[in-house]
Amino acid sequence: MRFPNPFYAIGAFYRAVKRLFSVKPSFVTEEIAEKRLKACEECPHFDSSVRQCEICTCFVDLKAQLTTESCPKGRWP
């Protein structure tokens, strides 16, 4: 895995946390989370050793469960 710019990673994390707390926290259904994770696992930008997206630097197991999040490449249903 190539390491992303640490400032970008910090910024991406900050934006995700800001979105999460700006609305009432809400999670997608288990079915939707599974579809999102499957899309991530099939993506060439997914690093399976740490289960992290190389584009947005997020850890997808958590990100896929949040309604406030989306795939940076538009792969999620």
N, C-alpha and C. Protein backbone atom coordinates (compact mmCIF):
# COMPACT_ATOMS: atom_id res chain seq x y z
N MET A 1 0.85 -1.18 0.00
CA MET A 1 0.00 0.00 0.00
C MET A 1 0.89 1.23 0.00
N ARG A 2 0.58 2.15 -0.85
CA ARG A 2 1.30 3.42 -0.81
C ARG A 2 0.64 4.28 0.27
N PHE A 3 1.47 4.98 1.01
CA PHE A 3 0.94 5.77 2.11
C PHE A 3 0.45 7.11 1.59
N PRO A 4 -0.77 7.49 1.97
CA PRO A 4 -1.32 8.77 1.52
C PRO A 4 -0.67 9.93 2.25
N ASN A 5 -0.85 11.07 1.70
CA ASN A 5 -0.38 12.29 2.35
C ASN A 5 -1.04 12.36 3.72
N PRO A 6 -0.25 12.48 4.80
CA PRO A 6 -0.86 12.47 6.14
C PRO A 6 -1.81 13.64 6.38
N PHE A 7 -1.57 14.76 5.73
CA PHE A 7 -2.47 15.90 5.91
C PHE A 7 -3.82 15.62 5.25
N TYR A 8 -3.81 14.92 4.11
CA TYR A 8 -5.06 14.53 3.47
C TYR A 8 -5.81 13.54 4.35
N ALA A 9 -5.09 12.57 4.92
CA ALA A 9 -5.73 11.57 5.78
C ALA A 9 -6.37 12.23 7.00
N ILE A 10 -5.67 13.17 7.61
CA ILE A 10 -6.22 13.88 8.76
C ILE A 10 -7.45 14.69 8.35
N GLY A 11 -7.36 15.34 7.19
CA GLY A 11 -8.49 16.13 6.69
C GLY A 11 -9.70 15.26 6.40
N ALA A 12 -9.47 14.08 5.80
CA ALA A 12 -10.57 13.17 5.49
C ALA A 12 -11.23 12.68 6.77
N PHE A 13 -10.43 12.37 7.77
CA PHE A 13 -10.96 11.93 9.05
C PHE A 13 -11.77 13.04 9.71
N TYR A 14 -11.24 14.25 9.69
CA TYR A 14 -11.94 15.40 10.27
C TYR A 14 -13.29 15.62 9.60
N ARG A 15 -13.32 15.56 8.25
CA ARG A 15 -14.58 15.78 7.53
C ARG A 15 -15.60 14.69 7.86
N ALA A 16 -15.14 13.45 7.99
CA ALA A 16 -16.06 12.35 8.32
C ALA A 16 -16.65 12.54 9.72
N VAL A 17 -15.81 12.91 10.67
CA VAL A 17 -16.30 13.14 12.04
C VAL A 17 -17.25 14.33 12.08
N LYS A 18 -16.90 15.37 11.35
CA LYS A 18 -17.77 16.56 11.31
C LYS A 18 -19.15 16.21 10.75
N ARG A 19 -19.19 15.43 9.64
CA ARG A 19 -20.47 15.02 9.06
C ARG A 19 -21.24 14.15 10.04
N LEU A 20 -20.53 13.27 10.73
CA LEU A 20 -21.19 12.35 11.64
C LEU A 20 -21.88 13.09 12.78
N PHE A 21 -21.23 14.10 13.33
CA PHE A 21 -21.79 14.81 14.47
C PHE A 21 -22.66 16.01 14.09
N SER A 22 -22.72 16.33 12.81
CA SER A 22 -23.57 17.44 12.39
C SER A 22 -25.03 17.02 12.25
N VAL A 23 -25.28 15.74 12.22
CA VAL A 23 -26.64 15.20 12.14
C VAL A 23 -26.79 14.14 13.22
N LYS A 24 -28.00 13.71 13.43
CA LYS A 24 -28.22 12.63 14.38
C LYS A 24 -27.54 11.38 13.83
N PRO A 25 -26.59 10.79 14.58
CA PRO A 25 -25.88 9.61 14.07
C PRO A 25 -26.86 8.53 13.64
N SER A 26 -26.59 7.99 12.51
CA SER A 26 -27.48 6.99 11.97
C SER A 26 -26.67 5.99 11.16
N PHE A 27 -27.10 4.75 11.23
CA PHE A 27 -26.40 3.67 10.56
C PHE A 27 -27.29 3.06 9.49
N VAL A 28 -26.66 2.56 8.43
CA VAL A 28 -27.40 1.88 7.36
C VAL A 28 -27.79 0.49 7.85
N THR A 29 -28.67 -0.16 7.12
CA THR A 29 -29.05 -1.52 7.47
C THR A 29 -27.87 -2.45 7.23
N GLU A 30 -27.93 -3.62 7.83
CA GLU A 30 -26.86 -4.60 7.67
C GLU A 30 -26.71 -5.01 6.20
N GLU A 31 -27.82 -5.11 5.49
CA GLU A 31 -27.80 -5.48 4.08
C GLU A 31 -27.04 -4.44 3.24
N ILE A 32 -27.31 -3.18 3.48
CA ILE A 32 -26.64 -2.11 2.73
C ILE A 32 -25.15 -2.08 3.09
N ALA A 33 -24.83 -2.24 4.36
CA ALA A 33 -23.42 -2.25 4.78
C ALA A 33 -22.66 -3.39 4.10
N GLU A 34 -23.28 -4.56 4.00
CA GLU A 34 -22.65 -5.70 3.34
C GLU A 34 -22.42 -5.42 1.86
N LYS A 35 -23.38 -4.77 1.18
CA LYS A 35 -23.23 -4.43 -0.24
C LYS A 35 -22.10 -3.42 -0.42
N ARG A 36 -22.02 -2.45 0.48
CA ARG A 36 -20.96 -1.45 0.41
C ARG A 36 -19.59 -2.11 0.59
N LEU A 37 -19.48 -2.98 1.59
CA LEU A 37 -18.21 -3.65 1.84
C LEU A 37 -17.80 -4.54 0.67
N LYS A 38 -18.77 -5.21 0.07
CA LYS A 38 -18.46 -6.05 -1.09
C LYS A 38 -17.92 -5.19 -2.24
N ALA A 39 -18.54 -4.03 -2.44
CA ALA A 39 -18.06 -3.12 -3.49
C ALA A 39 -16.62 -2.66 -3.19
N CYS A 40 -16.34 -2.40 -1.94
CA CYS A 40 -14.98 -1.99 -1.55
C CYS A 40 -13.98 -3.12 -1.79
N GLU A 41 -14.36 -4.32 -1.40
CA GLU A 41 -13.45 -5.46 -1.52
C GLU A 41 -13.13 -5.78 -2.97
N GLU A 42 -14.00 -5.42 -3.89
CA GLU A 42 -13.77 -5.65 -5.32
C GLU A 42 -13.03 -4.50 -6.00
N CYS A 43 -12.84 -3.42 -5.28
CA CYS A 43 -12.22 -2.21 -5.84
C CYS A 43 -10.69 -2.35 -5.86
N PRO A 44 -10.04 -1.88 -6.93
CA PRO A 44 -8.57 -1.95 -6.99
C PRO A 44 -7.88 -1.00 -6.00
N HIS A 45 -8.60 -0.07 -5.43
CA HIS A 45 -8.04 0.88 -4.47
C HIS A 45 -8.21 0.43 -3.02
N PHE A 46 -8.67 -0.79 -2.83
CA PHE A 46 -8.89 -1.33 -1.49
C PHE A 46 -7.66 -2.11 -1.03
N ASP A 47 -7.15 -1.77 0.14
CA ASP A 47 -6.02 -2.50 0.72
C ASP A 47 -6.58 -3.47 1.74
N SER A 48 -6.61 -4.75 1.38
CA SER A 48 -7.23 -5.75 2.25
C SER A 48 -6.41 -6.05 3.49
N SER A 49 -5.13 -5.74 3.48
CA SER A 49 -4.31 -6.04 4.66
C SER A 49 -4.69 -5.18 5.86
N VAL A 50 -5.13 -3.95 5.60
CA VAL A 50 -5.57 -3.06 6.69
C VAL A 50 -7.03 -2.65 6.54
N ARG A 51 -7.68 -3.16 5.46
CA ARG A 51 -9.09 -2.86 5.16
C ARG A 51 -9.32 -1.35 5.08
N GLN A 52 -8.48 -0.73 4.26
CA GLN A 52 -8.50 0.73 4.12
C GLN A 52 -8.58 1.09 2.63
N CYS A 53 -9.30 2.17 2.36
CA CYS A 53 -9.38 2.71 1.00
C CYS A 53 -8.16 3.57 0.74
N GLU A 54 -7.49 3.33 -0.39
CA GLU A 54 -6.30 4.12 -0.73
C GLU A 54 -6.67 5.50 -1.27
N ILE A 55 -7.91 5.72 -1.66
CA ILE A 55 -8.33 7.01 -2.19
C ILE A 55 -8.68 7.97 -1.05
N CYS A 56 -9.61 7.57 -0.20
CA CYS A 56 -10.06 8.47 0.87
C CYS A 56 -9.35 8.23 2.20
N THR A 57 -8.57 7.16 2.29
CA THR A 57 -7.80 6.75 3.47
C THR A 57 -8.66 6.27 4.63
N CYS A 58 -9.95 6.06 4.42
CA CYS A 58 -10.83 5.62 5.49
C CYS A 58 -10.75 4.11 5.69
N PHE A 59 -11.04 3.69 6.91
CA PHE A 59 -11.16 2.27 7.22
C PHE A 59 -12.61 1.90 6.90
N VAL A 60 -12.77 1.08 5.87
CA VAL A 60 -14.09 0.87 5.29
C VAL A 60 -15.08 0.11 6.17
N ASP A 61 -14.59 -0.70 7.10
CA ASP A 61 -15.53 -1.44 7.95
C ASP A 61 -16.41 -0.50 8.77
N LEU A 62 -15.87 0.62 9.18
CA LEU A 62 -16.66 1.61 9.90
C LEU A 62 -17.41 2.52 8.93
N LYS A 63 -16.71 3.02 7.93
CA LYS A 63 -17.30 3.98 7.00
C LYS A 63 -18.54 3.41 6.30
N ALA A 64 -18.50 2.13 5.96
CA ALA A 64 -19.62 1.50 5.23
C ALA A 64 -20.90 1.45 6.05
N GLN A 65 -20.80 1.62 7.34
CA GLN A 65 -21.98 1.54 8.21
C GLN A 65 -22.66 2.88 8.45
N LEU A 66 -22.04 3.96 8.06
CA LEU A 66 -22.56 5.29 8.37
C LEU A 66 -23.35 5.89 7.20
N THR A 67 -24.52 6.41 7.49
CA THR A 67 -25.36 7.00 6.43
C THR A 67 -24.76 8.29 5.88
N THR A 68 -23.90 8.93 6.65
CA THR A 68 -23.32 10.22 6.23
C THR A 68 -22.17 10.05 5.24
N GLU A 69 -21.73 8.81 4.99
CA GLU A 69 -20.55 8.57 4.17
C GLU A 69 -20.91 8.05 2.79
N SER A 70 -19.98 8.23 1.86
CA SER A 70 -20.16 7.71 0.50
C SER A 70 -18.80 7.31 -0.06
N CYS A 71 -18.82 6.54 -1.12
CA CYS A 71 -17.59 6.09 -1.79
C CYS A 71 -17.06 7.23 -2.65
N PRO A 72 -15.78 7.54 -2.56
CA PRO A 72 -15.23 8.63 -3.37
C PRO A 72 -15.24 8.32 -4.87
N LYS A 73 -15.34 7.06 -5.22
CA LYS A 73 -15.40 6.65 -6.63
C LYS A 73 -16.82 6.32 -7.09
N GLY A 74 -17.81 6.50 -6.20
CA GLY A 74 -19.21 6.25 -6.57
C GLY A 74 -19.56 4.80 -6.73
N ARG A 75 -18.86 3.89 -6.08
CA ARG A 75 -19.09 2.45 -6.23
C ARG A 75 -20.18 1.91 -5.33
N TRP A 76 -20.57 2.64 -4.31
CA TRP A 76 -21.57 2.11 -3.39
C TRP A 76 -22.98 2.24 -3.97
N PRO A 77 -23.81 1.22 -3.72
CA PRO A 77 -25.20 1.29 -4.19
C PRO A 77 -26.00 2.32 -3.42
